[in-house]
Protein backbone atom coordinates (compact mmCIF):
# COMPACT_ATOMS: atom_id res chain seq x y z
CA MET A 1 -36.24 12.29 0.46
CA SER A 2 -33.80 9.69 1.70
CA ARG A 3 -32.96 7.07 -0.94
CA SER A 4 -31.38 3.66 -0.53
CA VAL A 5 -29.65 1.28 -2.92
CA SER A 6 -32.05 -1.36 -1.68
CA ASP A 7 -34.86 0.55 -3.42
CA VAL A 8 -33.16 0.87 -6.83
CA SER A 9 -34.20 -1.08 -9.91
CA VAL A 10 -31.25 -1.44 -12.29
CA VAL A 11 -32.29 -1.88 -15.93
CA THR A 12 -30.26 -2.96 -18.94
CA VAL A 13 -31.34 -3.79 -22.48
CA ASN A 14 -29.57 -6.66 -24.25
CA TRP A 15 -29.36 -7.64 -27.89
CA ASN A 16 -26.87 -10.40 -28.68
CA GLY A 17 -24.65 -9.13 -25.90
CA ARG A 18 -23.97 -12.27 -23.89
CA SER A 19 -20.23 -11.53 -23.70
CA HIS A 20 -20.94 -8.04 -22.35
CA LEU A 21 -23.29 -9.34 -19.67
CA GLU A 22 -20.50 -11.48 -18.22
CA ALA A 23 -18.73 -8.28 -17.14
CA LEU A 24 -21.73 -6.06 -16.40
CA LEU A 25 -23.93 -8.20 -14.19
CA PRO A 26 -21.39 -9.19 -11.49
CA SER A 27 -20.45 -5.52 -11.06
CA VAL A 28 -24.13 -4.55 -10.68
CA LEU A 29 -25.19 -7.42 -8.43
CA ALA A 30 -22.30 -6.63 -6.08
CA LEU A 31 -24.03 -3.32 -5.30
CA ARG A 32 -27.10 -5.20 -3.95
CA PRO A 33 -29.88 -3.15 -5.58
CA SER A 34 -33.54 -4.02 -5.08
CA GLU A 35 -33.59 -5.82 -8.42
CA VAL A 36 -31.74 -6.13 -11.70
CA ILE A 37 -33.93 -6.24 -14.80
CA VAL A 38 -32.59 -7.38 -18.17
CA VAL A 39 -34.82 -6.83 -21.19
CA ASP A 40 -33.69 -9.10 -24.01
CA ASN A 41 -34.44 -7.91 -27.54
CA GLY A 42 -34.80 -11.24 -29.29
CA SER A 43 -31.14 -12.24 -28.98
CA ARG A 44 -29.88 -15.20 -31.01
CA ASP A 45 -26.56 -15.69 -29.23
CA GLY A 46 -27.88 -17.72 -26.30
CA SER A 47 -28.21 -14.68 -24.02
CA VAL A 48 -31.56 -15.77 -22.57
CA GLU A 49 -30.36 -19.28 -21.71
CA PHE A 50 -27.14 -17.84 -20.32
CA LEU A 51 -29.06 -15.45 -18.02
CA ARG A 52 -31.41 -18.15 -16.76
CA THR A 53 -28.50 -20.47 -15.99
CA ARG A 54 -25.77 -18.15 -14.72
CA PHE A 55 -27.84 -15.33 -13.20
CA PRO A 56 -31.18 -16.73 -12.01
CA GLU A 57 -31.52 -13.81 -9.58
CA VAL A 58 -31.86 -11.41 -12.50
CA ARG A 59 -35.39 -10.51 -13.53
CA LEU A 60 -35.68 -11.32 -17.25
CA LEU A 61 -38.13 -9.75 -19.70
CA VAL A 62 -38.02 -11.16 -23.23
CA ASN A 63 -39.04 -9.39 -26.43
CA ASP A 64 -39.73 -11.31 -29.63
CA ARG A 65 -37.41 -9.06 -31.68
CA ASN A 66 -35.09 -6.10 -31.47
CA ARG A 67 -37.28 -3.26 -30.21
CA GLY A 68 -34.45 -0.76 -29.85
CA PHE A 69 -33.53 1.16 -26.73
CA ALA A 70 -36.50 3.31 -25.74
CA GLU A 71 -39.39 0.82 -25.69
CA PRO A 72 -37.62 -1.94 -23.69
CA ASN A 73 -36.48 0.54 -21.03
CA ASN A 74 -40.02 1.89 -20.75
CA LEU A 75 -41.31 -1.67 -20.33
CA ALA A 76 -38.85 -2.30 -17.51
CA ALA A 77 -39.78 1.01 -15.85
CA GLN A 78 -43.42 -0.01 -15.82
CA GLU A 79 -42.55 -3.38 -14.27
CA ALA A 80 -39.92 -2.11 -11.81
CA GLN A 81 -40.50 -2.32 -8.07
CA GLY A 82 -37.96 0.30 -6.96
CA SER A 83 -38.70 4.00 -6.50
CA THR A 84 -35.46 4.81 -8.38
CA LEU A 85 -34.52 3.60 -11.84
CA ALA A 86 -30.88 3.12 -12.83
CA PHE A 87 -30.36 2.57 -16.56
CA ILE A 88 -27.09 1.10 -17.80
CA ASN A 89 -26.00 -0.23 -21.19
CA ASN A 90 -24.99 -3.86 -21.44
CA ASP A 91 -21.44 -3.02 -22.58
CA MET A 92 -20.61 -1.28 -19.30
CA ARG A 93 -19.28 -2.23 -15.90
CA CYS A 94 -19.98 -0.06 -12.89
CA HIS A 95 -17.77 1.40 -10.19
CA PRO A 96 -18.58 0.27 -6.62
CA ASP A 97 -19.83 3.82 -5.86
CA TRP A 98 -22.01 4.14 -8.96
CA LEU A 99 -25.37 3.86 -7.26
CA GLU A 100 -24.49 5.47 -3.92
CA ALA A 101 -23.05 8.57 -5.58
CA GLY A 102 -25.96 8.73 -8.01
CA LEU A 103 -28.49 8.56 -5.19
CA GLU A 104 -26.76 11.43 -3.41
CA GLY A 105 -27.14 13.44 -6.60
CA LEU A 106 -30.87 12.72 -6.68
CA GLU A 107 -31.28 14.72 -3.48
CA ASN A 108 -31.01 17.89 -5.60
CA ALA A 109 -32.26 16.74 -9.00
CA ALA A 110 -34.86 14.43 -10.52
CA CYS A 111 -32.29 12.82 -12.80
CA VAL A 112 -28.56 12.16 -12.43
CA ALA A 113 -26.21 11.61 -15.35
CA SER A 114 -23.31 9.34 -14.54
CA ARG A 115 -19.82 10.08 -15.81
CA ILE A 116 -18.76 7.45 -18.35
CA LEU A 117 -15.11 6.48 -18.81
CA ASN A 118 -13.46 4.18 -21.30
CA TRP A 119 -12.81 0.57 -20.23
CA GLU A 120 -9.37 1.45 -18.86
CA GLY A 121 -10.77 4.35 -16.83
CA ASP A 122 -8.34 7.02 -18.00
CA ARG A 123 -10.36 8.84 -20.69
CA ILE A 124 -13.82 10.36 -20.97
CA ASP A 125 -16.70 8.86 -22.93
CA TYR A 126 -19.38 11.13 -21.47
CA ASN A 127 -18.97 14.19 -19.28
CA GLY A 128 -22.13 16.08 -20.21
CA GLY A 129 -23.45 16.92 -23.65
CA SER A 130 -24.07 19.82 -25.99
CA LEU A 131 -27.01 20.37 -28.31
CA GLN A 132 -27.00 22.09 -31.68
CA TYR A 133 -30.12 24.21 -32.30
CA LEU A 134 -31.47 21.75 -34.92
CA GLY A 135 -31.43 18.91 -32.38
CA TYR A 136 -28.01 17.29 -32.99
CA ALA A 137 -26.31 16.29 -29.74
CA LEU A 138 -22.70 15.47 -28.94
CA GLN A 139 -20.94 14.01 -25.94
CA MET A 140 -18.56 16.55 -24.45
CA ASP A 141 -14.88 15.86 -23.68
CA MET A 142 -14.99 12.50 -25.42
CA GLY A 143 -11.52 10.96 -25.54
CA VAL A 144 -10.02 13.59 -23.21
CA LEU A 145 -7.83 12.38 -20.35
CA LEU A 146 -9.78 12.18 -17.12
CA ASP A 147 -7.40 14.44 -15.21
CA ARG A 148 -7.87 17.24 -17.78
CA VAL A 149 -11.63 17.71 -17.67
CA THR A 150 -13.63 20.12 -15.56
CA ARG A 151 -16.56 19.28 -13.37
CA ARG A 152 -20.06 20.19 -14.57
CA GLU A 153 -23.17 20.24 -12.45
CA LYS A 154 -26.23 20.99 -14.56
CA VAL A 155 -26.54 19.31 -17.97
CA LEU A 156 -29.34 19.40 -20.53
CA PHE A 157 -29.61 15.65 -20.85
CA PRO A 158 -28.18 12.47 -19.32
CA CYS A 159 -26.58 9.72 -21.31
CA GLY A 160 -29.10 6.89 -21.49
CA GLY A 161 -26.22 4.45 -21.16
CA ALA A 162 -25.76 5.28 -17.46
CA MET A 163 -28.22 7.38 -15.48
CA LEU A 164 -30.46 7.39 -12.42
CA ILE A 165 -33.93 8.92 -12.27
CA ASP A 166 -36.89 9.04 -9.94
CA ARG A 167 -39.32 6.42 -11.27
CA ASP A 168 -42.44 8.52 -10.69
CA VAL A 169 -40.89 11.45 -12.56
CA PHE A 170 -39.77 9.20 -15.42
CA LEU A 171 -43.30 7.87 -15.87
CA LYS A 172 -44.90 11.29 -15.39
CA VAL A 173 -42.96 12.90 -18.25
CA GLY A 174 -43.59 9.91 -20.51
CA GLY A 175 -40.29 8.03 -20.26
CA PHE A 176 -38.24 7.56 -23.41
CA ASP A 177 -40.19 8.24 -26.59
CA PRO A 178 -40.65 4.79 -28.19
CA ASP A 179 -40.93 6.32 -31.66
CA PHE A 180 -37.25 7.24 -31.45
CA PHE A 181 -36.24 3.54 -31.32
CA ALA A 182 -32.67 4.61 -30.50
CA ILE A 183 -30.42 7.70 -30.70
CA PHE A 184 -31.27 11.02 -29.01
CA GLU A 185 -34.10 9.54 -26.93
CA ASP A 186 -32.06 10.56 -23.88
CA VAL A 187 -31.67 14.09 -25.31
CA ASP A 188 -35.42 14.34 -25.76
CA LEU A 189 -36.01 13.05 -22.23
CA GLY A 190 -33.59 15.55 -20.70
CA TRP A 191 -35.12 18.47 -22.58
CA ARG A 192 -38.60 17.42 -21.42
CA LEU A 193 -37.42 17.16 -17.83
CA TRP A 194 -36.10 20.72 -17.83
CA LEU A 195 -39.19 21.96 -19.66
CA ALA A 196 -41.42 20.36 -17.00
CA GLY A 197 -39.56 22.08 -14.16
CA TYR A 198 -37.12 19.34 -13.16
CA GLU A 199 -33.31 19.37 -13.26
CA VAL A 200 -30.65 17.01 -14.61
CA HIS A 201 -27.29 16.99 -12.81
CA LEU A 202 -24.01 15.34 -13.71
CA ARG A 203 -22.48 13.37 -10.85
CA PRO A 204 -18.78 12.79 -11.67
CA ASP A 205 -18.26 10.23 -8.90
CA SER A 206 -21.17 8.10 -10.17
CA LEU A 207 -18.82 6.22 -12.46
CA VAL A 208 -19.21 3.51 -15.07
CA TYR A 209 -16.78 2.11 -17.63
CA HIS A 210 -17.68 1.63 -21.29
CA ARG A 211 -16.24 -1.13 -23.44
CA GLY A 212 -17.30 0.54 -26.68
CA HIS A 213 -17.96 -1.22 -29.94
CA GLY A 214 -16.23 -2.21 -33.10
CA THR A 215 -16.61 -0.52 -36.47
CA PHE A 216 -20.19 -0.48 -37.72
CA ARG A 217 -21.01 -2.21 -40.96
CA SER A 218 -21.88 0.16 -43.77
CA HIS A 219 -25.60 -0.61 -43.73
CA ALA A 220 -25.68 -0.08 -39.98
CA GLU A 221 -23.95 3.28 -40.37
CA ALA A 222 -26.65 4.37 -42.80
CA LYS A 223 -29.37 3.42 -40.34
CA MET A 224 -27.58 5.26 -37.56
CA ARG A 225 -27.40 8.43 -39.63
CA TYR A 226 -31.04 8.12 -40.64
CA LEU A 227 -32.10 7.79 -37.00
CA MET A 228 -29.86 10.68 -36.03
CA HIS A 229 -31.41 13.05 -38.60
CA ARG A 230 -34.98 11.90 -38.01
CA ASN A 231 -34.81 11.96 -34.22
CA ALA A 232 -33.13 15.37 -34.14
CA LEU A 233 -36.08 16.75 -36.10
CA MET A 234 -38.61 14.99 -33.86
CA THR A 235 -36.88 16.37 -30.77
CA ILE A 236 -37.14 20.01 -31.82
CA ILE A 237 -40.76 19.61 -32.94
CA LYS A 238 -41.74 18.31 -29.52
CA ASN A 239 -39.78 20.65 -27.29
CA TYR A 240 -39.39 24.17 -28.68
CA SER A 241 -42.00 26.76 -27.74
CA ASP A 242 -44.63 27.69 -30.33
CA VAL A 243 -42.91 30.96 -31.20
CA ASN A 244 -39.49 29.43 -31.76
CA LEU A 245 -40.77 26.33 -33.54
CA ARG A 246 -42.53 28.45 -36.17
CA ALA A 247 -39.13 29.78 -37.23
CA ILE A 248 -36.89 26.79 -36.56
CA LEU A 249 -38.96 23.99 -38.12
CA PRO A 250 -39.09 25.46 -41.66
CA LEU A 251 -35.39 26.24 -41.36
CA ALA A 252 -34.65 22.66 -40.31
CA VAL A 253 -36.47 21.24 -43.34
CA ILE A 254 -34.86 23.72 -45.74
CA LEU A 255 -31.37 22.96 -44.44
CA ALA A 256 -31.99 19.19 -44.59
CA VAL A 257 -32.81 19.55 -48.29
CA ARG A 258 -29.71 21.71 -48.85
CA ARG A 259 -27.49 19.15 -47.11
CA ALA A 260 -29.03 16.36 -49.18
CA VAL A 261 -28.33 18.20 -52.44
CA ARG A 262 -24.71 18.82 -51.43
CA LEU A 263 -24.13 15.22 -50.38
CA SER A 264 -25.74 13.89 -53.56
CA GLY A 265 -22.99 15.42 -55.67
CA VAL A 266 -25.59 16.85 -58.05
CA GLU A 267 -24.29 19.83 -60.00
CA ARG A 268 -27.08 22.36 -59.83
CA GLU A 269 -25.59 24.17 -62.81
CA SER A 270 -26.43 21.17 -65.00
CA PHE A 271 -30.11 22.08 -64.59
CA TYR A 272 -29.62 25.70 -65.63
CA LEU A 273 -30.30 26.84 -69.18
CA TRP A 274 -28.03 29.82 -68.62
CA ALA A 275 -24.92 28.09 -67.29
CA GLU A 276 -22.44 25.47 -68.31
CA ALA A 277 -21.97 22.61 -65.79
CA GLU A 278 -18.59 22.37 -64.15
CA ARG A 279 -17.34 18.80 -64.07
CA ARG A 280 -16.36 18.71 -60.41
CA ARG A 281 -17.01 15.01 -60.21
CA ALA A 282 -14.32 14.16 -62.72
CA SER A 283 -11.73 14.18 -59.95
CA ALA A 284 -14.06 12.97 -57.20
CA PRO A 285 -16.26 10.15 -58.56
CA PHE A 286 -19.66 9.62 -57.00
CA GLU A 287 -19.86 6.74 -54.52
CA ALA A 288 -22.76 4.71 -53.16
CA SER A 289 -22.08 6.03 -49.66
CA ASP A 290 -22.70 9.57 -50.95
CA LEU A 291 -26.19 8.54 -52.05
CA GLN A 292 -26.89 6.95 -48.67
CA ASP A 293 -25.82 10.12 -46.87
CA CYS A 294 -27.99 12.18 -49.19
CA LEU A 295 -31.08 10.01 -48.82
CA SER A 296 -30.79 9.75 -45.03
CA HIS A 297 -31.67 13.46 -44.82
CA LEU A 298 -34.61 13.18 -47.21
CA VAL A 299 -36.03 9.94 -45.81
CA SER A 300 -35.82 11.28 -42.26
CA VAL A 301 -37.83 14.38 -43.23
CA ASP A 302 -40.37 12.24 -45.10
CA ASP A 303 -40.72 9.92 -42.12
CA VAL A 304 -41.34 12.85 -39.76
CA LEU A 305 -44.00 14.26 -42.10
CA ALA A 306 -45.71 10.87 -42.18
CA ARG A 307 -45.73 10.83 -38.36
CA LEU A 308 -46.79 14.45 -38.00
CA PRO A 309 -50.30 13.91 -36.54
CA ASP A 310 -48.96 11.68 -33.76
CA LEU A 311 -45.93 13.89 -33.28
CA LEU A 312 -48.02 17.04 -32.86
CA ALA A 313 -50.26 15.21 -30.42
CA ARG A 314 -47.22 14.27 -28.35
CA ARG A 315 -46.05 17.85 -28.61
CA MET A 316 -49.32 19.05 -27.06
CA GLU A 317 -48.73 16.74 -24.12
CA VAL A 318 -45.13 17.93 -23.68
CA GLN A 319 -46.02 21.61 -23.94
CA GLY A 320 -48.81 21.07 -21.41
CA MET A 321 -46.10 20.26 -18.83
CA ARG A 322 -44.11 23.45 -19.54
CA ARG A 323 -42.75 25.22 -16.44
CA ARG A 324 -39.68 26.87 -18.01
CA ASN A 325 -39.28 29.11 -21.05
CA ASP A 326 -36.93 28.34 -23.92
CA GLU A 327 -34.45 31.01 -22.95
CA GLU A 328 -33.70 29.27 -19.64
CA ILE A 329 -33.24 25.90 -21.34
CA LEU A 330 -31.15 27.22 -24.23
CA ALA A 331 -28.49 28.23 -21.74
CA LEU A 332 -27.84 24.49 -21.27
CA PHE A 333 -27.27 23.80 -24.99
CA GLN A 334 -23.57 24.75 -24.60
CA ASP A 335 -22.92 25.09 -28.34
CA PRO A 336 -26.22 25.74 -30.21
CA LEU A 337 -24.49 27.02 -33.37
CA ARG A 338 -22.04 24.17 -33.76
CA PRO A 339 -21.48 23.64 -37.52
CA ILE A 340 -22.87 20.35 -38.79
CA VAL A 341 -21.63 21.00 -42.32
CA GLU A 342 -17.98 21.92 -42.69
CA ASP A 343 -18.49 24.35 -45.55
CA GLY A 344 -18.03 28.09 -45.25
CA ASP A 345 -20.59 28.95 -47.93
CA PHE A 346 -23.22 26.73 -46.29
CA ILE A 347 -22.58 28.34 -42.89
CA ARG A 348 -22.81 31.88 -44.26
CA ARG A 349 -26.10 31.16 -46.02
CA GLU A 350 -27.46 29.38 -42.95
CA THR A 351 -26.54 32.44 -40.87
CA GLU A 352 -28.47 34.66 -43.26
CA LEU A 353 -31.57 32.48 -42.85
CA ILE A 354 -31.22 32.46 -39.06
CA GLU A 355 -31.06 36.24 -39.00
CA MET A 356 -33.89 36.61 -41.51
CA LEU A 357 -36.14 34.56 -39.21
CA GLY A 358 -35.18 36.62 -36.15
CA LEU A 359 -33.36 33.78 -34.45
CA ASP A 360 -30.32 35.98 -33.90
CA LEU A 361 -32.17 37.11 -30.79
CA LEU A 362 -31.60 33.59 -29.42
CA PHE A 363 -28.25 32.67 -30.93
CA ASP A 364 -24.96 34.53 -31.42
CA THR A 365 -24.84 34.62 -35.21
CA ARG A 366 -21.82 36.94 -35.34
CA SER A 367 -19.48 34.32 -33.94
CA TYR A 368 -21.16 31.62 -36.03
CA ARG A 369 -20.59 33.56 -39.24
CA SER A 370 -16.88 33.74 -38.43
CA LYS A 371 -16.76 29.93 -38.13
CA GLY A 372 -17.48 29.71 -41.84
CA ASP A 373 -14.05 31.13 -42.59
CA ARG A 374 -12.42 28.00 -41.17
CA PHE A 375 -13.78 25.76 -43.91
CA SER A 376 -13.24 25.91 -47.64
CA ASP A 377 -13.70 22.61 -49.47
CA PRO A 378 -17.19 21.23 -48.67
CA ALA A 379 -16.22 17.66 -49.60
CA ALA A 380 -12.84 17.39 -47.90
CA GLY A 381 -14.10 16.84 -44.39
CA ARG A 382 -17.36 15.05 -45.16
CA LEU A 383 -16.24 11.49 -44.47
CA ARG A 384 -14.35 12.59 -41.37
CA LYS A 385 -17.48 14.37 -40.13
CA VAL A 386 -19.67 11.29 -40.60
CA GLU A 387 -17.16 9.11 -38.75
CA GLU A 388 -17.00 11.65 -35.94
CA GLU A 389 -20.79 11.72 -35.63
CA LEU A 390 -20.91 7.95 -35.26
CA ARG A 391 -17.99 7.83 -32.84
CA ARG A 392 -19.72 10.32 -30.57
CA LEU A 393 -22.87 8.19 -30.51
CA GLN A 394 -21.22 5.32 -28.65
CA TRP A 395 -23.76 5.28 -25.86
CA ILE A 396 -26.27 3.67 -28.22
CA GLY A 397 -24.26 0.48 -28.71
CA GLY A 398 -25.86 -1.95 -31.14
CA HIS A 399 -29.50 -1.25 -30.41
CA ALA A 400 -30.09 0.67 -33.65
CA LEU A 401 -28.88 -2.01 -36.02
CA GLY A 402 -32.18 -3.85 -36.36
CA HIS A 403 -34.45 -0.90 -36.95
CA PRO A 404 -37.98 -2.04 -37.87
CA PRO A 405 -39.93 -0.46 -40.73
CA ALA A 406 -41.93 2.61 -39.80
CA PRO A 407 -45.67 2.01 -39.45
CA ASP A 408 -47.87 3.13 -42.33
CA ARG A 409 -49.65 6.22 -41.04
CA ARG A 410 -50.87 7.60 -44.38
CA THR A 411 -54.54 7.08 -43.56
CA ARG A 412 -54.14 8.79 -40.20
CA PHE A 413 -52.27 11.65 -41.88
CA ARG A 414 -55.09 12.15 -44.40
CA ARG A 415 -57.62 12.35 -41.55
CA PHE A 416 -55.42 14.86 -39.79
CA ALA A 417 -55.09 16.98 -42.96
CA ASP A 418 -58.85 16.95 -43.53
CA VAL A 419 -59.54 18.20 -40.00
CA TRP A 420 -56.78 20.82 -40.34
CA ARG A 421 -58.39 22.23 -43.49
CA ALA A 422 -61.91 22.14 -42.06
CA HIS A 423 -61.37 23.20 -38.45
CA GLY A 424 -57.83 24.56 -38.10
CA PRO A 425 -54.59 23.30 -36.52
CA ALA A 426 -55.71 23.43 -32.87
CA GLU A 427 -58.68 21.13 -33.45
CA ALA A 428 -56.59 18.84 -35.67
CA CYS A 429 -53.97 18.45 -32.92
CA ARG A 430 -56.65 17.85 -30.28
CA ARG A 431 -58.32 15.10 -32.32
CA ALA A 432 -54.96 13.53 -33.21
CA TRP A 433 -54.07 13.39 -29.51
CA GLU A 434 -57.40 11.75 -28.66
CA ALA A 435 -56.90 9.21 -31.45
CA LEU A 436 -53.40 8.47 -30.19
CA ARG A 437 -54.67 7.87 -26.66
CA ARG A 438 -57.34 5.47 -27.98
CA GLY A 439 -54.79 3.71 -30.18
CA VAL A 440 -56.80 4.48 -33.32
């Protein structure tokens, strides 16, 4: 299929990013795509007036509030006229060859991930990604000098901040999952594409430049971590095969609780009748940020449980598109046993659970066990790890900072539980899916 820039709809989501648009839009309009769509998320910085005055040729869709990243892009995809969608974050500017090179890549894949450089163009922001087996993704080669990275072809997922995709395919697989709001929605999309028989390729000469963002405020960091933990769990629930999910989901919940206990600073020995508590906290006083880190794990699990009927219904739809087995897709994870807790004891116990559940048939637990020897003090690297997680999530920009409250689905969950008890899980999932389709 021959593709042309004149049949590309370029989409960007904006939230109080007027200053970013001043650099992005001229670079995009110079490429002469079919249309440029900006979805504004209730900006209060004059972005809408600025767009109508300075860029009247841009197609403007206006939301009443910040609706995150996934939903606005889906809205634009539904409204787009082009056969190809090109998503780009508002804090980017594009290379003159961005679209042409991306379209060449679409000749062999349904989705093309662009290579993202820093604003100066000498270091990597995105050059493919890796996925940890519990759903935590990282950008690869971030911060590495451009002339020191290798070329990759097939990647598990694109970066939602700069990618091209066939519009029909995007809509067929369900687009970005709006329940994610932001963070890892591109990971989920990429996994679904591979599962459904499509491919995602990295096109290094489809270049964009990323301005990046300043330091997040503390409350925004907490929301980012909450979304990261919740969406990782939602991703694995939707995309693993039945056999693997039966083992991995309980493990994911167990390990989330263990991480929460460690981050809370609670001394388990203080609950024991047979042991004297060791006053570890005397030299490391508890801080409010510790509690936020702890609760982000627990709240994310609770939120997923509240959404479970809808989530399992979406899972049925995703699994109904399956054309590849997990083993083929896992080869694209790159680093499935990447430690997410820098604590040797935690890693060794996690390895024991992985092997107990038979997951050592999927993952190389021998090398993972040896990684535990690199870490000793569980608290020493905690803050550094959190900062690293946030730094590697730069493609999200500011879309996650106005996260709306989750809908109350307790009544729907009770209906789902009643059907599960009376008729079994298959019938419960079927009815939940029908209810979801009807919007009940």
